[in-house]
Amino acid sequence: MASWTKFMRSFSRKYSTDAPKFSGTHGATEQMQLMWKRISFFVGLPAIGLAMVNCYLNHQAHHHDEHPEFIAYDHMRIRTKKFPWGDGNHSLFHNSKLNPLPDGYEEE
């Protein structure tokens, strides 16, 4: 019986979910939390904002109303059977400005 109690004490110490209690490290933990909080606000958030501005400006610079040139590659837009909706040639989320059919873009 004593060995069982000894085993349970060692097991509970080894696999306890409580954080170890060290004396004198509480101030260091608060300083680390404050440092990471400041890094998040003064480095992380501005970096995300700059990335958003960069994406927006690149999108504005490369956004065109015309579609790219159609090249009829043999390995693309293969239709072995018709789609079960519409006329069978258009994909479910077909965009006539961006998605060509097997024989080219649709005339508007």
PDB file of N, CA and C in Angstrom:
ATOM      1  N   MET A   1       0.814  -1.186   0.000  1.00  0.00           N
ATOM      2  CA  MET A   1       0.000   0.000   0.000  1.00  0.00           C
ATOM      3  C   MET A   1       0.861   1.255   0.000  1.00  0.00           C
ATOM      4  N   ALA A   2       1.953   1.213   0.713  1.00  0.00           N
ATOM      5  CA  ALA A   2       2.837   2.369   0.774  1.00  0.00           C
ATOM      6  C   ALA A   2       3.492   2.626  -0.572  1.00  0.00           C
ATOM      7  N   SER A   3       3.786   1.551  -1.320  1.00  0.00           N
ATOM      8  CA  SER A   3       4.415   1.744  -2.626  1.00  0.00           C
ATOM      9  C   SER A   3       3.432   2.399  -3.606  1.00  0.00           C
ATOM     10  N   TRP A   4       2.147   2.045  -3.497  1.00  0.00           N
ATOM     11  CA  TRP A   4       1.134   2.661  -4.351  1.00  0.00           C
ATOM     12  C   TRP A   4       1.027   4.158  -4.075  1.00  0.00           C
ATOM     13  N   THR A   5       1.058   4.554  -2.818  1.00  0.00           N
ATOM     14  CA  THR A   5       0.985   5.961  -2.445  1.00  0.00           C
ATOM     15  C   THR A   5       2.217   6.705  -2.952  1.00  0.00           C
ATOM     16  N   LYS A   6       3.378   6.074  -2.826  1.00  0.00           N
ATOM     17  CA  LYS A   6       4.618   6.692  -3.303  1.00  0.00           C
ATOM     18  C   LYS A   6       4.567   6.875  -4.825  1.00  0.00           C
ATOM     19  N   PHE A   7       4.062   5.865  -5.515  1.00  0.00           N
ATOM     20  CA  PHE A   7       3.932   5.959  -6.973  1.00  0.00           C
ATOM     21  C   PHE A   7       2.990   7.089  -7.375  1.00  0.00           C
ATOM     22  N   MET A   8       1.857   7.204  -6.724  1.00  0.00           N
ATOM     23  CA  MET A   8       0.883   8.237  -7.063  1.00  0.00           C
ATOM     24  C   MET A   8       1.423   9.637  -6.800  1.00  0.00           C
ATOM     25  N   ARG A   9       2.197   9.808  -5.738  1.00  0.00           N
ATOM     26  CA  ARG A   9       2.790  11.124  -5.461  1.00  0.00           C
ATOM     27  C   ARG A   9       3.785  11.505  -6.554  1.00  0.00           C
ATOM     28  N   SER A  10       4.636  10.567  -6.939  1.00  0.00           N
ATOM     29  CA  SER A  10       5.626  10.885  -7.976  1.00  0.00           C
ATOM     30  C   SER A  10       4.939  11.120  -9.323  1.00  0.00           C
ATOM     31  N   PHE A  11       3.897  10.351  -9.612  1.00  0.00           N
ATOM     32  CA  PHE A  11       3.153  10.527 -10.854  1.00  0.00           C
ATOM     33  C   PHE A  11       2.469  11.884 -10.895  1.00  0.00           C
ATOM     34  N   SER A  12       1.846  12.270  -9.796  1.00  0.00           N
ATOM     35  CA  SER A  12       1.132  13.539  -9.766  1.00  0.00           C
ATOM     36  C   SER A  12       2.089  14.723  -9.834  1.00  0.00           C
ATOM     37  N   ARG A  13       3.289  14.582  -9.286  1.00  0.00           N
ATOM     38  CA  ARG A  13       4.276  15.665  -9.389  1.00  0.00           C
ATOM     39  C   ARG A  13       4.800  15.785 -10.817  1.00  0.00           C
ATOM     40  N   LYS A  14       5.024  14.643 -11.456  1.00  0.00           N
ATOM     41  CA  LYS A  14       5.619  14.643 -12.785  1.00  0.00           C
ATOM     42  C   LYS A  14       4.641  15.144 -13.853  1.00  0.00           C
ATOM     43  N   TYR A  15       3.369  14.779 -13.742  1.00  0.00           N
ATOM     44  CA  TYR A  15       2.386  15.102 -14.766  1.00  0.00           C
ATOM     45  C   TYR A  15       1.336  16.093 -14.293  1.00  0.00           C
ATOM     46  N   SER A  16       1.688  16.947 -13.392  1.00  0.00           N
ATOM     47  CA  SER A  16       0.756  17.935 -12.891  1.00  0.00           C
ATOM     48  C   SER A  16       0.537  19.021 -13.941  1.00  0.00           C
ATOM     49  N   THR A  17      -0.681  19.561 -14.011  1.00  0.00           N
ATOM     50  CA  THR A  17      -0.975  20.623 -14.965  1.00  0.00           C
ATOM     51  C   THR A  17      -0.687  22.005 -14.405  1.00  0.00           C
ATOM     52  N   ASP A  18      -0.390  22.080 -13.134  1.00  0.00           N
ATOM     53  CA  ASP A  18      -0.055  23.366 -12.538  1.00  0.00           C
ATOM     54  C   ASP A  18       1.321  23.802 -13.002  1.00  0.00           C
ATOM     55  N   ALA A  19       1.477  25.104 -13.213  1.00  0.00           N
ATOM     56  CA  ALA A  19       2.774  25.637 -13.597  1.00  0.00           C
ATOM     57  C   ALA A  19       3.705  25.570 -12.392  1.00  0.00           C
ATOM     58  N   PRO A  20       4.975  25.306 -12.632  1.00  0.00           N
ATOM     59  CA  PRO A  20       5.904  25.271 -11.504  1.00  0.00           C
ATOM     60  C   PRO A  20       5.996  26.638 -10.844  1.00  0.00           C
ATOM     61  N   LYS A  21       6.117  26.629  -9.574  1.00  0.00           N
ATOM     62  CA  LYS A  21       6.172  27.885  -8.822  1.00  0.00           C
ATOM     63  C   LYS A  21       7.615  28.175  -8.447  1.00  0.00           C
ATOM     64  N   PHE A  22       8.191  29.130  -9.166  1.00  0.00           N
ATOM     65  CA  PHE A  22       9.559  29.553  -8.890  1.00  0.00           C
ATOM     66  C   PHE A  22       9.491  30.919  -8.234  1.00  0.00           C
ATOM     67  N   SER A  23      10.341  31.147  -7.311  1.00  0.00           N
ATOM     68  CA  SER A  23      10.351  32.450  -6.653  1.00  0.00           C
ATOM     69  C   SER A  23      11.300  33.386  -7.401  1.00  0.00           C
ATOM     70  N   GLY A  24      10.886  34.618  -7.551  1.00  0.00           N
ATOM     71  CA  GLY A  24      11.757  35.629  -8.144  1.00  0.00           C
ATOM     72  C   GLY A  24      11.653  35.738  -9.655  1.00  0.00           C
ATOM     73  N   THR A  25      10.818  34.962 -10.334  1.00  0.00           N
ATOM     74  CA  THR A  25      10.718  35.060 -11.788  1.00  0.00           C
ATOM     75  C   THR A  25       9.437  35.746 -12.240  1.00  0.00           C
ATOM     76  N   HIS A  26       8.623  36.165 -11.317  1.00  0.00           N
ATOM     77  CA  HIS A  26       7.349  36.775 -11.690  1.00  0.00           C
ATOM     78  C   HIS A  26       7.555  38.088 -12.443  1.00  0.00           C
ATOM     79  N   GLY A  27       8.509  38.875 -12.035  1.00  0.00           N
ATOM     80  CA  GLY A  27       8.790  40.136 -12.710  1.00  0.00           C
ATOM     81  C   GLY A  27       9.318  39.923 -14.113  1.00  0.00           C
ATOM     82  N   ALA A  28      10.140  38.887 -14.320  1.00  0.00           N
ATOM     83  CA  ALA A  28      10.677  38.599 -15.647  1.00  0.00           C
ATOM     84  C   ALA A  28       9.561  38.170 -16.595  1.00  0.00           C
ATOM     85  N   THR A  29       8.589  37.419 -16.085  1.00  0.00           N
ATOM     86  CA  THR A  29       7.474  36.990 -16.909  1.00  0.00           C
ATOM     87  C   THR A  29       6.638  38.189 -17.349  1.00  0.00           C
ATOM     88  N   GLU A  30       6.387  39.105 -16.449  1.00  0.00           N
ATOM     89  CA  GLU A  30       5.627  40.305 -16.808  1.00  0.00           C
ATOM     90  C   GLU A  30       6.378  41.145 -17.826  1.00  0.00           C
ATOM     91  N   GLN A  31       7.698  41.222 -17.690  1.00  0.00           N
ATOM     92  CA  GLN A  31       8.488  41.990 -18.650  1.00  0.00           C
ATOM     93  C   GLN A  31       8.443  41.348 -20.034  1.00  0.00           C
ATOM     94  N   MET A  32       8.495  40.010 -20.088  1.00  0.00           N
ATOM     95  CA  MET A  32       8.411  39.318 -21.373  1.00  0.00           C
ATOM     96  C   MET A  32       7.036  39.522 -22.015  1.00  0.00           C
ATOM     97  N   GLN A  33       5.992  39.467 -21.203  1.00  0.00           N
ATOM     98  CA  GLN A  33       4.646  39.698 -21.733  1.00  0.00           C
ATOM     99  C   GLN A  33       4.527  41.113 -22.281  1.00  0.00           C
ATOM    100  N   LEU A  34       5.048  42.076 -21.566  1.00  0.00           N
ATOM    101  CA  LEU A  34       4.997  43.458 -22.016  1.00  0.00           C
ATOM    102  C   LEU A  34       5.793  43.642 -23.310  1.00  0.00           C
ATOM    103  N   MET A  35       6.958  42.989 -23.401  1.00  0.00           N
ATOM    104  CA  MET A  35       7.784  43.100 -24.602  1.00  0.00           C
ATOM    105  C   MET A  35       7.035  42.539 -25.816  1.00  0.00           C
ATOM    106  N   TRP A  36       6.435  41.360 -25.686  1.00  0.00           N
ATOM    107  CA  TRP A  36       5.727  40.756 -26.810  1.00  0.00           C
ATOM    108  C   TRP A  36       4.463  41.530 -27.161  1.00  0.00           C
ATOM    109  N   LYS A  37       3.837  42.122 -26.179  1.00  0.00           N
ATOM    110  CA  LYS A  37       2.672  42.958 -26.445  1.00  0.00           C
ATOM    111  C   LYS A  37       3.078  44.176 -27.275  1.00  0.00           C
ATOM    112  N   ARG A  38       4.174  44.800 -26.896  1.00  0.00           N
ATOM    113  CA  ARG A  38       4.665  45.964 -27.644  1.00  0.00           C
ATOM    114  C   ARG A  38       5.110  45.575 -29.049  1.00  0.00           C
ATOM    115  N   ILE A  39       5.785  44.426 -29.178  1.00  0.00           N
ATOM    116  CA  ILE A  39       6.197  43.964 -30.511  1.00  0.00           C
ATOM    117  C   ILE A  39       4.969  43.729 -31.383  1.00  0.00           C
ATOM    118  N   SER A  40       3.926  43.140 -30.815  1.00  0.00           N
ATOM    119  CA  SER A  40       2.703  42.879 -31.581  1.00  0.00           C
ATOM    120  C   SER A  40       2.079  44.174 -32.068  1.00  0.00           C
ATOM    121  N   PHE A  41       1.976  45.166 -31.184  1.00  0.00           N
ATOM    122  CA  PHE A  41       1.314  46.407 -31.559  1.00  0.00           C
ATOM    123  C   PHE A  41       2.172  47.307 -32.442  1.00  0.00           C
ATOM    124  N   PHE A  42       3.459  47.419 -32.160  1.00  0.00           N
ATOM    125  CA  PHE A  42       4.298  48.387 -32.871  1.00  0.00           C
ATOM    126  C   PHE A  42       5.065  47.806 -34.047  1.00  0.00           C
ATOM    127  N   VAL A  43       5.106  46.479 -34.182  1.00  0.00           N
ATOM    128  CA  VAL A  43       5.778  45.857 -35.324  1.00  0.00           C
ATOM    129  C   VAL A  43       4.782  45.038 -36.135  1.00  0.00           C
ATOM    130  N   GLY A  44       4.018  44.180 -35.474  1.00  0.00           N
ATOM    131  CA  GLY A  44       3.119  43.269 -36.168  1.00  0.00           C
ATOM    132  C   GLY A  44       1.984  43.973 -36.897  1.00  0.00           C
ATOM    133  N   LEU A  45       1.257  44.823 -36.196  1.00  0.00           N
ATOM    134  CA  LEU A  45       0.129  45.509 -36.819  1.00  0.00           C
ATOM    135  C   LEU A  45       0.551  46.454 -37.946  1.00  0.00           C
ATOM    136  N   PRO A  46       1.620  47.253 -37.799  1.00  0.00           N
ATOM    137  CA  PRO A  46       2.053  48.060 -38.949  1.00  0.00           C
ATOM    138  C   PRO A  46       2.513  47.211 -40.137  1.00  0.00           C
ATOM    139  N   ALA A  47       3.123  46.065 -39.866  1.00  0.00           N
ATOM    140  CA  ALA A  47       3.537  45.187 -40.964  1.00  0.00           C
ATOM    141  C   ALA A  47       2.331  44.651 -41.711  1.00  0.00           C
ATOM    142  N   ILE A  48       1.286  44.287 -41.000  1.00  0.00           N
ATOM    143  CA  ILE A  48       0.058  43.815 -41.646  1.00  0.00           C
ATOM    144  C   ILE A  48      -0.572  44.954 -42.450  1.00  0.00           C
ATOM    145  N   GLY A  49      -0.586  46.162 -41.897  1.00  0.00           N
ATOM    146  CA  GLY A  49      -1.132  47.312 -42.616  1.00  0.00           C
ATOM    147  C   GLY A  49      -0.358  47.615 -43.889  1.00  0.00           C
ATOM    148  N   LEU A  50       0.970  47.557 -43.831  1.00  0.00           N
ATOM    149  CA  LEU A  50       1.778  47.799 -45.028  1.00  0.00           C
ATOM    150  C   LEU A  50       1.559  46.712 -46.074  1.00  0.00           C
ATOM    151  N   ALA A  51       1.396  45.475 -45.646  1.00  0.00           N
ATOM    152  CA  ALA A  51       1.117  44.390 -46.591  1.00  0.00           C
ATOM    153  C   ALA A  51      -0.228  44.602 -47.268  1.00  0.00           C
ATOM    154  N   MET A  52      -1.223  45.075 -46.510  1.00  0.00           N
ATOM    155  CA  MET A  52      -2.536  45.346 -47.092  1.00  0.00           C
ATOM    156  C   MET A  52      -2.455  46.465 -48.130  1.00  0.00           C
ATOM    157  N   VAL A  53      -1.725  47.522 -47.821  1.00  0.00           N
ATOM    158  CA  VAL A  53      -1.571  48.632 -48.765  1.00  0.00           C
ATOM    159  C   VAL A  53      -0.843  48.159 -50.022  1.00  0.00           C
ATOM    160  N   ASN A  54       0.188  47.333 -49.848  1.00  0.00           N
ATOM    161  CA  ASN A  54       0.940  46.799 -50.979  1.00  0.00           C
ATOM    162  C   ASN A  54       0.040  45.964 -51.883  1.00  0.00           C
ATOM    163  N   CYS A  55      -0.768  45.100 -51.308  1.00  0.00           N
ATOM    164  CA  CYS A  55      -1.688  44.276 -52.103  1.00  0.00           C
ATOM    165  C   CYS A  55      -2.691  45.141 -52.844  1.00  0.00           C
ATOM    166  N   TYR A  56      -3.232  46.148 -52.182  1.00  0.00           N
ATOM    167  CA  TYR A  56      -4.211  47.029 -52.809  1.00  0.00           C
ATOM    168  C   TYR A  56      -3.596  47.783 -53.983  1.00  0.00           C
ATOM    169  N   LEU A  57      -2.394  48.342 -53.793  1.00  0.00           N
ATOM    170  CA  LEU A  57      -1.755  49.108 -54.865  1.00  0.00           C
ATOM    171  C   LEU A  57      -1.374  48.213 -56.035  1.00  0.00           C
ATOM    172  N   ASN A  58      -0.901  46.989 -55.762  1.00  0.00           N
ATOM    173  CA  ASN A  58      -0.580  46.064 -56.852  1.00  0.00           C
ATOM    174  C   ASN A  58      -1.838  45.664 -57.611  1.00  0.00           C
ATOM    175  N   HIS A  59      -2.933  45.490 -56.901  1.00  0.00           N
ATOM    176  CA  HIS A  59      -4.188  45.141 -57.566  1.00  0.00           C
ATOM    177  C   HIS A  59      -4.661  46.285 -58.456  1.00  0.00           C
ATOM    178  N   GLN A  60      -4.529  47.512 -57.995  1.00  0.00           N
ATOM    179  CA  GLN A  60      -4.935  48.667 -58.794  1.00  0.00           C
ATOM    180  C   GLN A  60      -4.060  48.827 -60.028  1.00  0.00           C
ATOM    181  N   ALA A  61      -2.771  48.530 -59.895  1.00  0.00           N
ATOM    182  CA  ALA A  61      -1.846  48.705 -61.014  1.00  0.00           C
ATOM    183  C   ALA A  61      -2.049  47.639 -62.089  1.00  0.00           C
ATOM    184  N   HIS A  62      -2.425  46.419 -61.709  1.00  0.00           N
ATOM    185  CA  HIS A  62      -2.550  45.321 -62.664  1.00  0.00           C
ATOM    186  C   HIS A  62      -3.982  44.966 -63.017  1.00  0.00           C
ATOM    187  N   HIS A  63      -4.926  45.722 -62.531  1.00  0.00           N
ATOM    188  CA  HIS A  63      -6.329  45.425 -62.807  1.00  0.00           C
ATOM    189  C   HIS A  63      -6.705  45.966 -64.184  1.00  0.00           C
ATOM    190  N   HIS A  64      -7.110  45.050 -65.049  1.00  0.00           N
ATOM    191  CA  HIS A  64      -7.516  45.443 -66.394  1.00  0.00           C
ATOM    192  C   HIS A  64      -8.928  44.948 -66.648  1.00  0.00           C
ATOM    193  N   ASP A  65      -9.656  45.654 -67.498  1.00  0.00           N
ATOM    194  CA  ASP A  65     -11.021  45.246 -67.829  1.00  0.00           C
ATOM    195  C   ASP A  65     -11.053  44.224 -68.955  1.00  0.00           C
ATOM    196  N   GLU A  66      -9.967  44.054 -69.662  1.00  0.00           N
ATOM    197  CA  GLU A  66      -9.960  43.108 -70.777  1.00  0.00           C
ATOM    198  C   GLU A  66      -9.343  41.790 -70.331  1.00  0.00           C
ATOM    199  N   HIS A  67      -9.758  40.724 -70.958  1.00  0.00           N
ATOM    200  CA  HIS A  67      -9.251  39.407 -70.597  1.00  0.00           C
ATOM    201  C   HIS A  67      -7.942  39.110 -71.323  1.00  0.00           C
ATOM    202  N   PRO A  68      -7.166  38.164 -70.806  1.00  0.00           N
ATOM    203  CA  PRO A  68      -5.901  37.831 -71.467  1.00  0.00           C
ATOM    204  C   PRO A  68      -6.133  37.130 -72.813  1.00  0.00           C
ATOM    205  N   GLU A  69      -5.108  37.083 -73.619  1.00  0.00           N
ATOM    206  CA  GLU A  69      -5.203  36.469 -74.936  1.00  0.00           C
ATOM    207  C   GLU A  69      -5.520  34.974 -74.801  1.00  0.00           C
ATOM    208  N   PHE A  70      -6.414  34.477 -75.653  1.00  0.00           N
ATOM    209  CA  PHE A  70      -6.788  33.065 -75.623  1.00  0.00           C
ATOM    210  C   PHE A  70      -5.820  32.254 -76.465  1.00  0.00           C
ATOM    211  N   ILE A  71      -5.263  31.210 -75.864  1.00  0.00           N
ATOM    212  CA  ILE A  71      -4.414  30.263 -76.580  1.00  0.00           C
ATOM    213  C   ILE A  71      -5.055  28.889 -76.394  1.00  0.00           C
ATOM    214  N   ALA A  72      -5.382  28.215 -77.480  1.00  0.00           N
ATOM    215  CA  ALA A  72      -6.094  26.938 -77.413  1.00  0.00           C
ATOM    216  C   ALA A  72      -5.113  25.793 -77.174  1.00  0.00           C
ATOM    217  N   TYR A  73      -4.754  25.572 -75.924  1.00  0.00           N
ATOM    218  CA  TYR A  73      -3.900  24.443 -75.583  1.00  0.00           C
ATOM    219  C   TYR A  73      -4.728  23.160 -75.600  1.00  0.00           C
ATOM    220  N   ASP A  74      -4.127  22.046 -76.044  1.00  0.00           N
ATOM    221  CA  ASP A  74      -4.841  20.775 -76.140  1.00  0.00           C
ATOM    222  C   ASP A  74      -5.173  20.175 -74.778  1.00  0.00           C
ATOM    223  N   HIS A  75      -4.364  20.465 -73.775  1.00  0.00           N
ATOM    224  CA  HIS A  75      -4.533  19.824 -72.469  1.00  0.00           C
ATOM    225  C   HIS A  75      -5.449  20.605 -71.523  1.00  0.00           C
ATOM    226  N   MET A  76      -5.961  21.731 -71.949  1.00  0.00           N
ATOM    227  CA  MET A  76      -6.822  22.536 -71.083  1.00  0.00           C
ATOM    228  C   MET A  76      -8.249  22.565 -71.609  1.00  0.00           C
ATOM    229  N   ARG A  77      -9.217  22.760 -70.680  1.00  0.00           N
ATOM    230  CA  ARG A  77     -10.642  22.886 -70.998  1.00  0.00           C
ATOM    231  C   ARG A  77     -11.160  21.677 -71.772  1.00  0.00           C
ATOM    232  N   ILE A  78     -10.782  20.487 -71.338  1.00  0.00           N
ATOM    233  CA  ILE A  78     -11.261  19.250 -71.956  1.00  0.00           C
ATOM    234  C   ILE A  78     -12.636  18.938 -71.393  1.00  0.00           C
ATOM    235  N   ARG A  79     -13.615  18.698 -72.263  1.00  0.00           N
ATOM    236  CA  ARG A  79     -14.970  18.341 -71.841  1.00  0.00           C
ATOM    237  C   ARG A  79     -15.234  16.912 -72.295  1.00  0.00           C
ATOM    238  N   THR A  80     -15.177  15.940 -71.367  1.00  0.00           N
ATOM    239  CA  THR A  80     -15.488  14.557 -71.717  1.00  0.00           C
ATOM    240  C   THR A  80     -16.986  14.284 -71.634  1.00  0.00           C
ATOM    241  N   LYS A  81     -17.690  15.042 -70.802  1.00  0.00           N
ATOM    242  CA  LYS A  81     -19.148  14.979 -70.762  1.00  0.00           C
ATOM    243  C   LYS A  81     -19.657  16.352 -70.353  1.00  0.00           C
ATOM    244  N   LYS A  82     -20.915  16.609 -70.625  1.00  0.00           N
ATOM    245  CA  LYS A  82     -21.476  17.921 -70.352  1.00  0.00           C
ATOM    246  C   LYS A  82     -21.671  18.127 -68.855  1.00  0.00           C
ATOM    247  N   PHE A  83     -21.604  19.395 -68.442  1.00  0.00           N
ATOM    248  CA  PHE A  83     -21.924  19.735 -67.062  1.00  0.00           C
ATOM    249  C   PHE A  83     -23.430  19.530 -66.849  1.00  0.00           C
ATOM    250  N   PRO A  84     -23.855  19.118 -65.659  1.00  0.00           N
ATOM    251  CA  PRO A  84     -25.278  18.841 -65.442  1.00  0.00           C
ATOM    252  C   PRO A  84     -26.144  20.085 -65.240  1.00  0.00           C
ATOM    253  N   TRP A  85     -25.669  21.270 -65.534  1.00  0.00           N
ATOM    254  CA  TRP A  85     -26.461  22.491 -65.378  1.00  0.00           C
ATOM    255  C   TRP A  85     -26.305  23.342 -66.629  1.00  0.00           C
ATOM    256  N   GLY A  86     -27.271  24.170 -66.861  1.00  0.00           N
ATOM    257  CA  GLY A  86     -27.206  25.108 -67.987  1.00  0.00           C
ATOM    258  C   GLY A  86     -27.109  24.401 -69.323  1.00  0.00           C
ATOM    259  N   ASP A  87     -26.263  24.939 -70.197  1.00  0.00           N
ATOM    260  CA  ASP A  87     -26.099  24.352 -71.524  1.00  0.00           C
ATOM    261  C   ASP A  87     -25.069  23.218 -71.525  1.00  0.00           C
ATOM    262  N   GLY A  88     -24.411  22.959 -70.395  1.00  0.00           N
ATOM    263  CA  GLY A  88     -23.446  21.872 -70.294  1.00  0.00           C
ATOM    264  C   GLY A  88     -22.031  22.260 -70.656  1.00  0.00           C
ATOM    265  N   ASN A  89     -21.819  23.470 -71.127  1.00  0.00           N
ATOM    266  CA  ASN A  89     -20.487  23.900 -71.532  1.00  0.00           C
ATOM    267  C   ASN A  89     -19.869  24.895 -70.552  1.00  0.00           C
ATOM    268  N   HIS A  90     -20.684  25.516 -69.718  1.00  0.00           N
ATOM    269  CA  HIS A  90     -20.188  26.501 -68.756  1.00  0.00           C
ATOM    270  C   HIS A  90     -19.987  25.841 -67.392  1.00  0.00           C
ATOM    271  N   SER A  91     -18.886  26.161 -66.714  1.00  0.00           N
ATOM    272  CA  SER A  91     -18.664  25.629 -65.371  1.00  0.00           C
ATOM    273  C   SER A  91     -19.659  26.264 -64.397  1.00  0.00           C
ATOM    274  N   LEU A  92     -19.733  25.749 -63.184  1.00  0.00           N
ATOM    275  CA  LEU A  92     -20.744  26.209 -62.232  1.00  0.00           C
ATOM    276  C   LEU A  92     -20.576  27.694 -61.892  1.00  0.00           C
ATOM    277  N   PHE A  93     -19.341  28.151 -61.685  1.00  0.00           N
ATOM    278  CA  PHE A  93     -19.082  29.551 -61.355  1.00  0.00           C
ATOM    279  C   PHE A  93     -18.391  30.221 -62.544  1.00  0.00           C
ATOM    280  N   HIS A  94     -19.001  30.147 -63.696  1.00  0.00           N
ATOM    281  CA  HIS A  94     -18.410  30.673 -64.929  1.00  0.00           C
ATOM    282  C   HIS A  94     -18.455  32.191 -64.943  1.00  0.00           C
ATOM    283  N   ASN A  95     -17.351  32.805 -65.328  1.00  0.00           N
ATOM    284  CA  ASN A  95     -17.259  34.249 -65.480  1.00  0.00           C
ATOM    285  C   ASN A  95     -16.881  34.507 -66.932  1.00  0.00           C
ATOM    286  N   SER A  96     -17.765  35.118 -67.680  1.00  0.00           N
ATOM    287  CA  SER A  96     -17.534  35.281 -69.120  1.00  0.00           C
ATOM    288  C   SER A  96     -16.364  36.200 -69.437  1.00  0.00           C
ATOM    289  N   LYS A  97     -15.963  37.048 -68.489  1.00  0.00           N
ATOM    290  CA  LYS A  97     -14.820  37.942 -68.737  1.00  0.00           C
ATOM    291  C   LYS A  97     -13.476  37.254 -68.480  1.00  0.00           C
ATOM    292  N   LEU A  98     -13.463  36.279 -67.582  1.00  0.00           N
ATOM    293  CA  LEU A  98     -12.192  35.661 -67.198  1.00  0.00           C
ATOM    294  C   LEU A  98     -12.044  34.202 -67.623  1.00  0.00           C
ATOM    295  N   ASN A  99     -13.144  33.454 -67.728  1.00  0.00           N
ATOM    296  CA  ASN A  99     -13.078  32.030 -68.003  1.00  0.00           C
ATOM    297  C   ASN A  99     -13.435  31.745 -69.459  1.00  0.00           C
ATOM    298  N   PRO A 100     -12.484  31.291 -70.251  1.00  0.00           N
ATOM    299  CA  PRO A 100     -12.815  30.969 -71.640  1.00  0.00           C
ATOM    300  C   PRO A 100     -13.481  29.605 -71.744  1.00  0.00           C
ATOM    301  N   LEU A 101     -14.220  29.402 -72.812  1.00  0.00           N
ATOM    302  CA  LEU A 101     -14.788  28.108 -73.160  1.00  0.00           C
ATOM    303  C   LEU A 101     -13.744  27.359 -73.999  1.00  0.00           C
ATOM    304  N   PRO A 102     -13.954  26.098 -74.350  1.00  0.00           N
ATOM    305  CA  PRO A 102     -12.943  25.380 -75.124  1.00  0.00           C
ATOM    306  C   PRO A 102     -12.594  26.033 -76.469  1.00  0.00           C
ATOM    307  N   ASP A 103     -13.517  26.794 -77.048  1.00  0.00           N
ATOM    308  CA  ASP A 103     -13.216  27.430 -78.327  1.00  0.00           C
ATOM    309  C   ASP A 103     -12.895  28.917 -78.220  1.00  0.00           C
ATOM    310  N   GLY A 104     -12.789  29.477 -77.007  1.00  0.00           N
ATOM    311  CA  GLY A 104     -12.414  30.870 -76.844  1.00  0.00           C
ATOM    312  C   GLY A 104     -13.361  31.595 -75.906  1.00  0.00           C
ATOM    313  N   TYR A 105     -13.153  32.894 -75.784  1.00  0.00           N
ATOM    314  CA  TYR A 105     -13.996  33.709 -74.910  1.00  0.00           C
ATOM    315  C   TYR A 105     -15.346  33.955 -75.549  1.00  0.00           C
ATOM    316  N   GLU A 106     -16.347  34.195 -74.716  1.00  0.00           N
ATOM    317  CA  GLU A 106     -17.674  34.516 -75.204  1.00  0.00           C
ATOM    318  C   GLU A 106     -17.695  35.941 -75.722  1.00  0.00           C
ATOM    319  N   GLU A 107     -18.502  36.172 -76.740  1.00  0.00           N
ATOM    320  CA  GLU A 107     -18.683  37.539 -77.250  1.00  0.00           C
ATOM    321  C   GLU A 107     -19.693  38.231 -76.384  1.00  0.00           C
ATOM    322  N   GLU A 108     -19.427  39.461 -76.040  1.00  0.00           N
ATOM    323  CA  GLU A 108     -20.326  40.213 -75.142  1.00  0.00           C
ATOM    324  C   GLU A 108     -21.271  41.078 -75.915  1.00  0.00           C
TER     325      GLU A 108
END
